[in-house]
């Protein structure tokens, strides 16, 4: 399975995400803010398959973290999460860097599906079209 770095400041959301990804068999390292996640990524020399980060966090937000990690480890897939529409808009300016943004709140099924899509590198347009067809 994949090695995933999670950056989330809300302890309950972080615990939910870590538990869900671990139950799926992923090796998960979690940090409580973007600054610590950046330090972990650097200490591990970017040896992760996926960065899953909240956007709005203290110290270093998810956008700054994505820019930091993306510049140093261009092969690392980045997936962001947010419950704020204005933050989602900020992330869409980073389309070349960020795979997608998961809107909060999300279900276990939605989280795992989006992580699988990101890890497989499935094009977002194809996924959206397929899900619309199924509805």
N, C-alpha and C. Protein backbone atom coordinates (compact mmCIF):
# COMPACT_ATOMS: atom_id res chain seq x y z
N UNK A 1 0.83 -1.18 0.00
CA UNK A 1 0.00 0.00 0.00
C UNK A 1 0.88 1.25 0.00
N UNK A 2 0.25 2.39 0.13
CA UNK A 2 0.97 3.66 0.00
C UNK A 2 1.45 4.21 1.33
N UNK A 3 2.44 5.07 1.23
CA UNK A 3 2.95 5.81 2.39
C UNK A 3 2.38 7.23 2.27
N UNK A 4 1.60 7.64 3.29
CA UNK A 4 0.86 8.89 3.21
C UNK A 4 1.21 9.81 4.37
N UNK A 5 1.49 11.07 4.04
CA UNK A 5 1.72 12.11 5.05
C UNK A 5 0.44 12.93 5.16
N UNK A 6 -0.10 13.00 6.38
CA UNK A 6 -1.34 13.73 6.64
C UNK A 6 -1.01 14.96 7.48
N UNK A 7 -1.54 16.11 7.07
CA UNK A 7 -1.41 17.35 7.84
C UNK A 7 -2.81 17.87 8.12
N UNK A 8 -3.21 17.84 9.39
CA UNK A 8 -4.56 18.26 9.78
C UNK A 8 -4.51 18.76 11.22
N UNK A 9 -4.98 19.99 11.45
CA UNK A 9 -4.91 20.57 12.78
C UNK A 9 -6.04 20.15 13.71
N UNK A 10 -7.16 19.71 13.17
CA UNK A 10 -8.28 19.27 14.01
C UNK A 10 -8.03 17.83 14.46
N UNK A 11 -7.86 17.62 15.78
CA UNK A 11 -7.52 16.27 16.27
C UNK A 11 -8.53 15.19 15.88
N UNK A 12 -9.82 15.51 15.88
CA UNK A 12 -10.82 14.49 15.56
C UNK A 12 -10.78 14.13 14.07
N UNK A 13 -10.62 15.13 13.21
CA UNK A 13 -10.52 14.86 11.77
C UNK A 13 -9.23 14.09 11.49
N UNK A 14 -8.13 14.51 12.12
CA UNK A 14 -6.86 13.82 11.92
C UNK A 14 -6.97 12.35 12.34
N UNK A 15 -7.59 12.08 13.49
CA UNK A 15 -7.75 10.70 13.97
C UNK A 15 -8.61 9.89 13.00
N UNK A 16 -9.69 10.49 12.51
CA UNK A 16 -10.57 9.81 11.55
C UNK A 16 -9.81 9.44 10.28
N UNK A 17 -9.08 10.41 9.73
CA UNK A 17 -8.34 10.19 8.48
C UNK A 17 -7.25 9.14 8.67
N UNK A 18 -6.50 9.25 9.75
CA UNK A 18 -5.42 8.29 10.01
C UNK A 18 -6.00 6.89 10.19
N UNK A 19 -7.07 6.78 10.95
CA UNK A 19 -7.70 5.48 11.18
C UNK A 19 -8.20 4.88 9.87
N UNK A 20 -8.90 5.68 9.06
CA UNK A 20 -9.44 5.19 7.79
C UNK A 20 -8.33 4.71 6.86
N UNK A 21 -7.28 5.50 6.74
CA UNK A 21 -6.19 5.15 5.82
C UNK A 21 -5.39 3.95 6.34
N UNK A 22 -5.21 3.89 7.65
CA UNK A 22 -4.49 2.75 8.25
C UNK A 22 -5.27 1.46 8.08
N UNK A 23 -6.60 1.53 8.28
CA UNK A 23 -7.44 0.34 8.11
C UNK A 23 -7.39 -0.17 6.67
N UNK A 24 -7.17 0.73 5.74
CA UNK A 24 -7.06 0.36 4.32
C UNK A 24 -5.68 -0.24 4.01
N UNK A 25 -4.76 -0.18 4.99
CA UNK A 25 -3.45 -0.78 4.82
C UNK A 25 -2.33 0.19 4.51
N UNK A 26 -2.64 1.48 4.49
CA UNK A 26 -1.62 2.47 4.18
C UNK A 26 -0.73 2.74 5.40
N UNK A 27 0.50 3.11 5.14
CA UNK A 27 1.45 3.54 6.18
C UNK A 27 1.26 5.05 6.31
N UNK A 28 0.74 5.51 7.45
CA UNK A 28 0.36 6.90 7.62
C UNK A 28 1.21 7.59 8.67
N UNK A 29 1.73 8.76 8.32
CA UNK A 29 2.43 9.64 9.25
C UNK A 29 1.59 10.91 9.34
N UNK A 30 1.22 11.32 10.55
CA UNK A 30 0.34 12.48 10.71
C UNK A 30 1.00 13.58 11.51
N UNK A 31 0.77 14.81 11.07
CA UNK A 31 1.26 16.00 11.77
C UNK A 31 0.09 16.95 12.00
N UNK A 32 0.22 17.79 13.03
CA UNK A 32 -0.89 18.67 13.41
C UNK A 32 -0.87 20.04 12.74
N UNK A 33 0.15 20.34 11.96
CA UNK A 33 0.15 21.58 11.18
C UNK A 33 1.10 21.46 10.00
N UNK A 34 0.99 22.41 9.10
CA UNK A 34 1.78 22.38 7.88
C UNK A 34 3.28 22.50 8.11
N UNK A 35 3.66 23.27 9.12
CA UNK A 35 5.09 23.43 9.41
C UNK A 35 5.73 22.11 9.81
N UNK A 36 5.05 21.38 10.70
CA UNK A 36 5.57 20.07 11.11
C UNK A 36 5.55 19.08 9.95
N UNK A 37 4.52 19.15 9.13
CA UNK A 37 4.46 18.26 7.96
C UNK A 37 5.58 18.56 6.98
N UNK A 38 5.91 19.84 6.78
CA UNK A 38 7.02 20.21 5.90
C UNK A 38 8.34 19.67 6.45
N UNK A 39 8.52 19.78 7.78
CA UNK A 39 9.73 19.25 8.41
C UNK A 39 9.82 17.73 8.23
N UNK A 40 8.68 17.05 8.39
CA UNK A 40 8.65 15.60 8.23
C UNK A 40 8.96 15.21 6.79
N UNK A 41 8.36 15.91 5.83
CA UNK A 41 8.61 15.62 4.41
C UNK A 41 10.10 15.79 4.11
N UNK A 42 10.70 16.85 4.63
CA UNK A 42 12.12 17.10 4.39
C UNK A 42 13.00 16.06 5.09
N UNK A 43 12.66 15.72 6.33
CA UNK A 43 13.44 14.73 7.08
C UNK A 43 13.40 13.37 6.39
N UNK A 44 12.25 13.07 5.76
CA UNK A 44 12.07 11.79 5.07
C UNK A 44 12.44 11.90 3.58
N UNK A 45 12.98 13.06 3.19
CA UNK A 45 13.38 13.31 1.81
C UNK A 45 12.26 13.05 0.81
N UNK A 46 11.04 13.41 1.22
CA UNK A 46 9.88 13.29 0.33
C UNK A 46 9.45 11.87 0.03
N UNK A 47 9.88 10.92 0.83
CA UNK A 47 9.58 9.51 0.55
C UNK A 47 8.15 9.14 0.97
N UNK A 48 7.21 9.81 0.37
CA UNK A 48 5.78 9.53 0.56
C UNK A 48 5.14 9.42 -0.82
N UNK A 49 4.05 8.68 -0.88
CA UNK A 49 3.31 8.56 -2.13
C UNK A 49 2.26 9.66 -2.26
N UNK A 50 1.80 10.17 -1.10
CA UNK A 50 0.72 11.14 -1.10
C UNK A 50 0.85 12.07 0.10
N UNK A 51 0.59 13.35 -0.14
CA UNK A 51 0.43 14.33 0.93
C UNK A 51 -1.05 14.67 0.95
N UNK A 52 -1.70 14.43 2.09
CA UNK A 52 -3.11 14.77 2.29
C UNK A 52 -3.16 15.84 3.36
N UNK A 53 -3.51 17.06 2.96
CA UNK A 53 -3.42 18.19 3.89
C UNK A 53 -4.67 19.04 3.91
N UNK A 54 -5.02 19.47 5.12
CA UNK A 54 -6.04 20.50 5.29
C UNK A 54 -5.46 21.78 4.70
N UNK A 55 -6.32 22.68 4.26
CA UNK A 55 -5.81 23.96 3.74
C UNK A 55 -5.63 24.96 4.87
N UNK A 56 -6.66 25.12 5.69
CA UNK A 56 -6.61 26.15 6.74
C UNK A 56 -6.04 25.56 8.03
N UNK A 57 -4.78 25.91 8.33
CA UNK A 57 -4.09 25.44 9.53
C UNK A 57 -3.19 26.56 10.06
N UNK A 58 -2.89 26.51 11.35
CA UNK A 58 -1.95 27.49 11.90
C UNK A 58 -0.51 27.17 11.47
N UNK A 59 0.38 28.05 11.72
CA UNK A 59 1.82 27.94 11.43
C UNK A 59 2.08 28.00 9.94
N UNK A 60 1.71 26.96 9.20
CA UNK A 60 1.84 26.92 7.74
C UNK A 60 0.57 26.30 7.19
N UNK A 61 -0.14 27.01 6.32
CA UNK A 61 -1.38 26.44 5.79
C UNK A 61 -1.08 25.43 4.69
N UNK A 62 -2.13 24.76 4.24
CA UNK A 62 -1.96 23.71 3.24
C UNK A 62 -1.47 24.19 1.90
N UNK A 63 -1.79 25.43 1.54
CA UNK A 63 -1.30 25.99 0.27
C UNK A 63 0.22 26.17 0.34
N UNK A 64 0.69 26.78 1.43
CA UNK A 64 2.14 26.96 1.61
C UNK A 64 2.85 25.61 1.68
N UNK A 65 2.22 24.66 2.35
CA UNK A 65 2.80 23.31 2.44
C UNK A 65 2.87 22.67 1.06
N UNK A 66 1.81 22.80 0.28
CA UNK A 66 1.81 22.24 -1.08
C UNK A 66 2.91 22.87 -1.93
N UNK A 67 3.08 24.18 -1.82
CA UNK A 67 4.13 24.86 -2.57
C UNK A 67 5.51 24.38 -2.14
N UNK A 68 5.71 24.23 -0.84
CA UNK A 68 6.99 23.77 -0.29
C UNK A 68 7.30 22.35 -0.78
N UNK A 69 6.35 21.45 -0.59
CA UNK A 69 6.55 20.04 -0.95
C UNK A 69 6.63 19.88 -2.48
N UNK A 70 5.75 20.57 -3.20
CA UNK A 70 5.75 20.45 -4.65
C UNK A 70 7.04 20.91 -5.29
N UNK A 71 7.66 21.95 -4.73
CA UNK A 71 8.93 22.46 -5.28
C UNK A 71 10.07 21.48 -5.03
N UNK A 72 10.06 20.80 -3.90
CA UNK A 72 11.15 19.90 -3.53
C UNK A 72 10.95 18.47 -4.01
N UNK A 73 9.69 18.03 -4.06
CA UNK A 73 9.38 16.63 -4.39
C UNK A 73 8.27 16.59 -5.44
N UNK A 74 8.59 16.91 -6.68
CA UNK A 74 7.57 17.04 -7.72
C UNK A 74 6.80 15.75 -8.02
N UNK A 75 7.32 14.60 -7.64
CA UNK A 75 6.62 13.34 -7.90
C UNK A 75 5.61 12.99 -6.82
N UNK A 76 5.60 13.75 -5.73
CA UNK A 76 4.68 13.49 -4.62
C UNK A 76 3.30 14.04 -4.97
N UNK A 77 2.29 13.19 -4.95
CA UNK A 77 0.92 13.61 -5.24
C UNK A 77 0.37 14.37 -4.03
N UNK A 78 -0.30 15.49 -4.30
CA UNK A 78 -0.84 16.34 -3.23
C UNK A 78 -2.35 16.41 -3.36
N UNK A 79 -3.03 16.11 -2.26
CA UNK A 79 -4.48 16.16 -2.17
C UNK A 79 -4.83 17.03 -0.97
N UNK A 80 -5.66 18.03 -1.19
CA UNK A 80 -6.01 18.95 -0.11
C UNK A 80 -7.45 18.73 0.36
N UNK A 81 -7.72 19.17 1.60
CA UNK A 81 -9.06 19.09 2.19
C UNK A 81 -9.41 20.46 2.76
N UNK A 82 -10.69 20.83 2.67
CA UNK A 82 -11.12 22.07 3.31
C UNK A 82 -12.63 22.11 3.48
N UNK A 83 -13.05 22.82 4.49
CA UNK A 83 -14.47 23.06 4.72
C UNK A 83 -14.88 24.47 4.35
N UNK A 84 -13.94 25.23 3.79
CA UNK A 84 -14.18 26.64 3.48
C UNK A 84 -14.12 26.87 1.97
N UNK A 85 -15.20 27.40 1.41
CA UNK A 85 -15.27 27.61 -0.04
C UNK A 85 -14.18 28.54 -0.53
N UNK A 86 -13.85 29.60 0.23
CA UNK A 86 -12.82 30.54 -0.22
C UNK A 86 -11.45 29.86 -0.27
N UNK A 87 -11.21 28.91 0.61
CA UNK A 87 -9.94 28.18 0.60
C UNK A 87 -9.88 27.25 -0.61
N UNK A 88 -11.02 26.67 -0.95
CA UNK A 88 -11.09 25.79 -2.12
C UNK A 88 -10.73 26.57 -3.38
N UNK A 89 -11.20 27.81 -3.46
CA UNK A 89 -10.89 28.67 -4.61
C UNK A 89 -9.39 28.97 -4.69
N UNK A 90 -8.75 29.21 -3.54
CA UNK A 90 -7.30 29.44 -3.53
C UNK A 90 -6.55 28.25 -4.10
N UNK A 91 -6.99 27.06 -3.78
CA UNK A 91 -6.31 25.84 -4.22
C UNK A 91 -6.46 25.62 -5.71
N UNK A 92 -7.57 26.07 -6.29
CA UNK A 92 -7.77 25.83 -7.72
C UNK A 92 -6.79 26.62 -8.59
N UNK A 93 -6.10 27.58 -8.01
CA UNK A 93 -5.04 28.27 -8.74
C UNK A 93 -3.77 27.43 -8.84
N UNK A 94 -3.77 26.30 -8.15
CA UNK A 94 -2.59 25.42 -8.11
C UNK A 94 -2.85 24.11 -8.85
N UNK A 95 -3.66 24.15 -9.89
CA UNK A 95 -4.07 22.94 -10.59
C UNK A 95 -2.90 22.06 -11.04
N UNK A 96 -1.80 22.66 -11.42
CA UNK A 96 -0.65 21.88 -11.89
C UNK A 96 0.06 21.17 -10.73
N UNK A 97 -0.17 21.65 -9.53
CA UNK A 97 0.54 21.13 -8.35
C UNK A 97 -0.32 20.21 -7.51
N UNK A 98 -1.61 20.51 -7.40
CA UNK A 98 -2.52 19.79 -6.50
C UNK A 98 -3.44 18.90 -7.31
N UNK A 99 -3.54 17.64 -6.92
CA UNK A 99 -4.41 16.69 -7.63
C UNK A 99 -5.87 17.12 -7.53
N UNK A 100 -6.34 17.40 -6.31
CA UNK A 100 -7.74 17.79 -6.13
C UNK A 100 -7.93 18.31 -4.71
N UNK A 101 -9.14 18.82 -4.44
CA UNK A 101 -9.51 19.30 -3.11
C UNK A 101 -10.76 18.54 -2.68
N UNK A 102 -10.69 17.91 -1.50
CA UNK A 102 -11.84 17.20 -0.94
C UNK A 102 -12.61 18.17 -0.05
N UNK A 103 -13.89 18.41 -0.35
CA UNK A 103 -14.67 19.30 0.52
C UNK A 103 -15.06 18.59 1.82
N UNK A 104 -14.93 19.31 2.94
CA UNK A 104 -15.37 18.80 4.24
C UNK A 104 -16.79 19.30 4.48
N UNK A 105 -17.59 18.54 5.18
CA UNK A 105 -17.29 17.21 5.72
C UNK A 105 -17.35 16.16 4.62
N UNK A 106 -16.60 15.09 4.81
CA UNK A 106 -16.60 14.00 3.84
C UNK A 106 -16.85 12.69 4.57
N UNK A 107 -17.35 11.72 3.83
CA UNK A 107 -17.60 10.39 4.40
C UNK A 107 -16.36 9.53 4.25
N UNK A 108 -16.35 8.44 4.95
CA UNK A 108 -15.26 7.47 4.85
C UNK A 108 -15.12 6.99 3.41
N UNK A 109 -16.24 6.68 2.77
CA UNK A 109 -16.23 6.20 1.39
C UNK A 109 -15.65 7.26 0.45
N UNK A 110 -16.08 8.52 0.62
CA UNK A 110 -15.57 9.61 -0.23
C UNK A 110 -14.07 9.81 -0.06
N UNK A 111 -13.62 9.79 1.20
CA UNK A 111 -12.19 9.96 1.48
C UNK A 111 -11.37 8.86 0.83
N UNK A 112 -11.76 7.62 1.06
CA UNK A 112 -10.98 6.49 0.52
C UNK A 112 -11.02 6.46 -1.01
N UNK A 113 -12.15 6.80 -1.60
CA UNK A 113 -12.25 6.84 -3.06
C UNK A 113 -11.34 7.91 -3.64
N UNK A 114 -11.34 9.09 -3.03
CA UNK A 114 -10.50 10.19 -3.54
C UNK A 114 -9.02 9.87 -3.37
N UNK A 115 -8.65 9.26 -2.24
CA UNK A 115 -7.25 8.87 -2.03
C UNK A 115 -6.84 7.82 -3.06
N UNK A 116 -7.71 6.83 -3.29
CA UNK A 116 -7.42 5.82 -4.32
C UNK A 116 -7.24 6.46 -5.69
N UNK A 117 -8.15 7.38 -6.04
CA UNK A 117 -8.06 8.08 -7.33
C UNK A 117 -6.73 8.82 -7.45
N UNK A 118 -6.34 9.53 -6.39
CA UNK A 118 -5.10 10.30 -6.40
C UNK A 118 -3.89 9.38 -6.54
N UNK A 119 -3.88 8.29 -5.79
CA UNK A 119 -2.75 7.37 -5.83
C UNK A 119 -2.63 6.67 -7.20
N UNK A 120 -3.77 6.43 -7.82
CA UNK A 120 -3.78 5.79 -9.15
C UNK A 120 -3.53 6.80 -10.26
N UNK A 121 -3.61 8.10 -9.93
CA UNK A 121 -3.40 9.14 -10.94
C UNK A 121 -4.53 9.23 -11.95
N UNK A 122 -5.74 8.85 -11.52
CA UNK A 122 -6.89 8.91 -12.42
C UNK A 122 -7.23 10.36 -12.73
N UNK A 123 -7.45 10.69 -13.98
CA UNK A 123 -7.83 12.06 -14.33
C UNK A 123 -9.15 12.45 -13.69
N UNK A 124 -9.20 13.62 -13.08
CA UNK A 124 -10.38 14.08 -12.36
C UNK A 124 -11.57 14.22 -13.30
N UNK A 125 -11.36 14.70 -14.53
CA UNK A 125 -12.45 14.90 -15.47
C UNK A 125 -13.14 13.57 -15.78
N UNK A 126 -12.37 12.51 -15.93
CA UNK A 126 -12.93 11.19 -16.24
C UNK A 126 -13.73 10.67 -15.05
N UNK A 127 -13.21 10.86 -13.84
CA UNK A 127 -13.89 10.41 -12.63
C UNK A 127 -15.23 11.14 -12.49
N UNK A 128 -15.22 12.45 -12.65
CA UNK A 128 -16.44 13.24 -12.51
C UNK A 128 -17.48 12.81 -13.54
N UNK A 129 -17.05 12.59 -14.77
CA UNK A 129 -17.95 12.19 -15.83
C UNK A 129 -18.54 10.81 -15.54
N UNK A 130 -17.72 9.88 -15.06
CA UNK A 130 -18.18 8.52 -14.75
C UNK A 130 -19.18 8.56 -13.61
N UNK A 131 -18.95 9.35 -12.59
CA UNK A 131 -19.87 9.43 -11.44
C UNK A 131 -21.18 10.08 -11.85
N UNK A 132 -21.14 11.06 -12.74
CA UNK A 132 -22.38 11.68 -13.22
C UNK A 132 -23.21 10.69 -14.02
N UNK A 133 -22.53 9.86 -14.80
CA UNK A 133 -23.21 8.86 -15.62
C UNK A 133 -23.91 7.83 -14.74
N UNK A 134 -23.29 7.47 -13.60
CA UNK A 134 -23.86 6.48 -12.70
C UNK A 134 -25.06 7.01 -11.93
N UNK A 135 -25.19 8.31 -11.80
CA UNK A 135 -26.28 8.87 -10.99
C UNK A 135 -27.59 8.92 -11.73
